[in-house]
Protein backbone atom coordinates (compact mmCIF):
# COMPACT_ATOMS: atom_id res chain seq x y z
CA MET A 1 -9.96 -14.68 -3.35
CA ARG A 2 -7.23 -14.57 -5.21
CA SER A 3 -4.07 -11.94 -4.34
CA LEU A 4 -3.48 -9.46 -6.51
CA HIS A 5 -0.76 -9.28 -9.47
CA LEU A 6 1.98 -6.53 -9.09
CA ALA A 7 2.49 -4.61 -12.14
CA VAL A 8 5.53 -3.32 -12.75
CA ASP A 9 6.80 -1.38 -15.91
CA ILE A 10 9.58 -1.96 -18.06
CA SER A 11 12.24 -0.03 -16.58
CA GLY A 12 11.45 -2.00 -12.95
CA PHE A 13 9.20 0.37 -11.42
CA PRO A 14 6.07 -1.29 -9.42
CA ALA A 15 3.20 0.49 -10.48
CA ARG A 16 0.27 -0.86 -9.14
CA TRP A 17 -1.76 -3.75 -7.79
CA LEU A 18 -3.50 -5.39 -11.05
CA SER A 19 -6.77 -7.86 -10.21
CA TRP A 20 -6.71 -11.40 -11.93
CA GLN A 21 -9.62 -9.85 -14.43
CA ASP A 22 -7.21 -6.76 -15.15
CA ALA A 23 -4.27 -9.08 -15.22
CA ILE A 24 -5.93 -11.25 -17.72
CA CYS A 25 -6.82 -7.98 -19.59
CA GLN A 26 -3.53 -6.93 -19.85
CA GLU A 27 -2.15 -10.16 -20.99
CA THR A 28 -4.85 -10.48 -23.75
CA LEU A 29 -4.27 -6.74 -25.20
CA GLY A 30 -0.43 -7.98 -25.36
CA LYS A 31 0.98 -5.11 -22.80
CA VAL A 32 2.52 -7.43 -20.73
CA ALA A 33 5.99 -8.21 -22.01
CA TYR A 34 6.54 -10.70 -19.48
CA GLY A 35 5.79 -12.31 -15.64
CA PHE A 36 8.47 -13.50 -12.97
CA GLY A 37 8.08 -14.30 -9.26
CA ASP A 38 7.90 -17.67 -7.50
CA HIS A 39 3.69 -18.05 -8.03
CA GLU A 40 1.89 -18.79 -11.06
CA PHE A 41 -1.85 -18.77 -11.83
CA THR A 42 -3.86 -20.51 -14.16
CA PHE A 43 -7.45 -19.04 -15.16
CA THR A 44 -9.57 -21.30 -17.34
CA GLY A 45 -12.02 -19.36 -19.22
CA GLY A 46 -14.99 -20.30 -22.08
CA LYS A 47 -14.75 -22.74 -24.57
CA ASN A 48 -12.55 -22.09 -28.03
CA ARG A 49 -15.04 -21.86 -30.69
CA ASP A 50 -13.02 -23.99 -33.31
CA THR A 51 -11.27 -26.63 -31.06
CA GLY A 52 -13.45 -27.12 -28.68
CA LEU A 53 -10.75 -26.92 -26.10
CA ASP A 54 -11.16 -24.82 -22.83
CA SER A 55 -9.34 -21.34 -23.07
CA GLN A 56 -6.52 -21.01 -20.19
CA VAL A 57 -4.26 -18.27 -19.58
CA THR A 58 -1.22 -18.44 -17.05
CA LEU A 59 0.18 -15.44 -15.30
CA LYS A 60 2.97 -15.12 -12.76
CA SER A 61 2.40 -13.17 -9.43
CA ILE A 62 4.30 -10.18 -10.64
CA LEU A 63 3.97 -8.86 -14.72
CA VAL A 64 6.26 -6.71 -16.57
CA LEU A 65 3.81 -4.05 -18.38
CA LYS A 66 5.30 -2.76 -21.83
CA GLY A 67 6.51 1.04 -21.47
CA ARG A 68 7.27 3.26 -18.84
CA SER A 69 3.91 3.83 -16.17
CA PRO A 70 2.67 7.22 -15.40
CA GLU A 71 3.30 6.60 -11.69
CA CYS A 72 6.80 6.33 -12.43
CA LYS A 73 7.12 9.82 -13.76
CA LYS A 74 5.15 11.01 -10.41
CA ARG A 75 6.78 9.86 -8.09
CA THR A 76 3.68 10.01 -5.35
CA THR A 77 2.75 8.12 -2.65
CA ILE A 78 -0.55 6.83 -1.65
CA PRO A 79 -3.23 8.83 -0.86
CA LEU A 80 -3.90 9.34 3.40
CA SER A 81 -6.53 6.85 4.37
CA ASN A 82 -7.20 5.97 8.09
CA ALA A 83 -6.28 2.56 6.83
CA ALA A 84 -2.87 3.28 5.59
CA LEU A 85 -2.29 5.38 8.55
CA PHE A 86 -3.10 2.84 11.10
CA ARG A 87 -0.34 0.82 9.13
CA ARG A 88 2.09 2.98 8.95
CA ASP A 89 2.08 3.36 12.30
CA GLN A 90 2.00 -0.32 13.05
CA PHE A 91 -1.52 0.21 15.12
CA MET A 92 0.37 2.51 17.92
CA CYS A 93 -1.16 5.38 19.64
CA ALA A 94 1.28 7.55 18.81
CA TYR A 95 1.29 9.24 22.16
CA CYS A 96 0.51 5.98 24.96
CA GLY A 97 2.33 3.30 22.73
CA ASP A 98 -1.26 1.36 23.28
CA VAL A 99 -1.53 -0.96 20.57
CA ASN A 100 -5.02 -1.83 19.47
CA THR A 101 -5.85 -3.14 15.80
CA LYS A 102 -9.94 -1.58 16.50
CA GLY A 103 -11.04 2.01 17.64
CA LEU A 104 -7.95 3.90 16.83
CA THR A 105 -8.60 7.62 15.22
CA ARG A 106 -6.59 9.66 12.98
CA ASP A 107 -5.22 12.66 14.96
CA HIS A 108 -4.03 15.79 13.51
CA ILE A 109 -1.04 16.40 15.74
CA LYS A 110 -1.05 20.45 15.29
CA PRO A 111 -5.53 20.52 15.18
CA LEU A 112 -6.98 21.79 11.93
CA SER A 113 -8.56 24.35 14.18
CA LYS A 114 -5.20 25.64 14.46
CA GLY A 115 -4.07 25.93 11.00
CA GLY A 116 -2.78 21.93 10.63
CA GLY A 117 -3.22 20.20 7.71
CA ASP A 118 -4.99 16.90 6.91
CA THR A 119 -1.87 15.29 5.71
CA TRP A 120 0.91 12.39 6.32
CA LEU A 121 2.96 14.17 8.09
CA ASN A 122 0.28 15.75 10.62
CA CYS A 123 -1.45 12.80 11.23
CA CYS A 124 -0.73 9.86 13.70
CA ALA A 125 -2.65 6.57 15.15
CA CYS A 126 -4.19 8.11 18.18
CA CYS A 127 -6.59 5.90 21.05
CA VAL A 128 -9.63 6.75 21.59
CA SER A 129 -8.69 8.03 24.94
CA CYS A 130 -5.71 10.13 24.09
CA ASN A 131 -7.82 11.81 20.95
CA ALA A 132 -10.48 12.76 23.88
CA ARG A 133 -7.64 14.10 26.45
CA LYS A 134 -5.94 15.43 23.29
CA GLY A 135 -8.97 17.34 22.15
CA SER A 136 -8.52 20.62 20.04
CA GLN A 137 -5.04 21.30 22.01
CA THR A 138 -1.59 21.21 20.79
CA LEU A 139 1.26 19.03 22.09
CA GLU A 140 2.63 21.93 23.43
CA GLU A 141 -0.09 22.75 25.42
CA LEU A 142 -0.40 19.43 26.81
CA GLY A 143 3.64 18.87 27.55
CA TRP A 144 2.99 15.84 25.64
CA GLN A 145 5.48 13.78 23.07
CA LEU A 146 5.17 11.91 19.52
CA LEU A 147 6.47 8.77 20.90
CA TYR A 148 7.55 8.24 16.72
CA VAL A 149 7.80 11.15 14.31
CA PRO A 150 4.84 10.69 11.25
CA TYR A 151 6.36 10.46 7.70
CA VAL A 152 4.89 9.99 4.09
CA PRO A 153 5.42 6.60 2.41
CA ASN A 154 7.18 6.59 -0.93
CA HIS A 155 5.26 4.95 -3.51
CA GLN A 156 6.69 1.49 -2.55
CA GLU A 157 5.32 1.87 0.66
CA GLY A 158 1.71 2.84 -0.63
CA LEU A 159 1.73 -0.35 -2.58
CA ILE A 160 2.44 -2.33 0.95
CA LEU A 161 -0.09 -0.35 2.98
CA ALA A 162 -2.37 -0.64 0.14
CA ASN A 163 -2.45 -4.44 -0.07
CA ARG A 164 -2.84 -6.98 2.91
CA HIS A 165 -2.42 -9.98 1.14
CA ILE A 166 1.23 -9.43 -0.91
CA LEU A 167 3.15 -13.22 -1.79
CA ASP A 168 6.44 -12.87 -0.35
CA ASP A 169 7.79 -12.53 -4.18
CA GLN A 170 6.02 -9.31 -4.52
CA MET A 171 7.55 -8.30 -0.99
CA GLU A 172 10.61 -8.81 -1.24
CA LEU A 173 10.74 -6.72 -4.52
CA LEU A 174 8.83 -4.12 -2.79
CA LYS A 175 11.12 -4.00 0.55
CA SER A 176 13.92 -3.74 -1.73
CA MET A 177 12.97 -0.23 -2.92
CA CYS A 178 11.84 0.78 0.44
CA PRO A 179 13.81 3.48 2.77
CA LYS A 180 15.95 1.74 5.12
CA HIS A 181 13.55 4.12 8.15
CA SER A 182 10.50 2.19 6.52
CA ARG A 183 8.05 1.28 9.57
CA VAL A 184 5.55 -0.44 6.75
CA VAL A 185 8.47 -3.05 5.47
CA GLY A 186 9.58 -4.23 9.20
CA HIS A 187 5.64 -5.29 10.05
CA ALA A 188 3.90 -5.80 7.08
């Protein structure tokens, strides 16, 4: 498996991850302004009909695409998913503090049956045992407290949560744009 390329718009906003195939397409379509970063990848394709030489494309790990990214205007976060939620919460149950990379569930702090939403601010990682004990009760009914406060990851944290194989130069760029309170950055 090859690493993903980080696509940055011309203003410096990290927009999205590109597979190596998408990165080559962006390059061959003339949409890459330049690349930077510590890592460089060379891809070899078919033979050139005129010269008989193998075609090659060399790309850096961070690619600056021409123009402004639509994501830059929205400044949105990633959609809520169990994988991203568990990584945001560092695989720790919000109620007992058990750290577990398997067997976690998504818990709705205010249960859906009591008007709670399926949102970043109302969801936390929860071990199976605590989830079973909590059921559809509220924290007030149980006398429980959260061990940490849920928050909505920003766009850059979302990019970190979406990719498990981030190169060091890509991570440094993304970390520099994350809020100081980010739990994602410290343990990504």
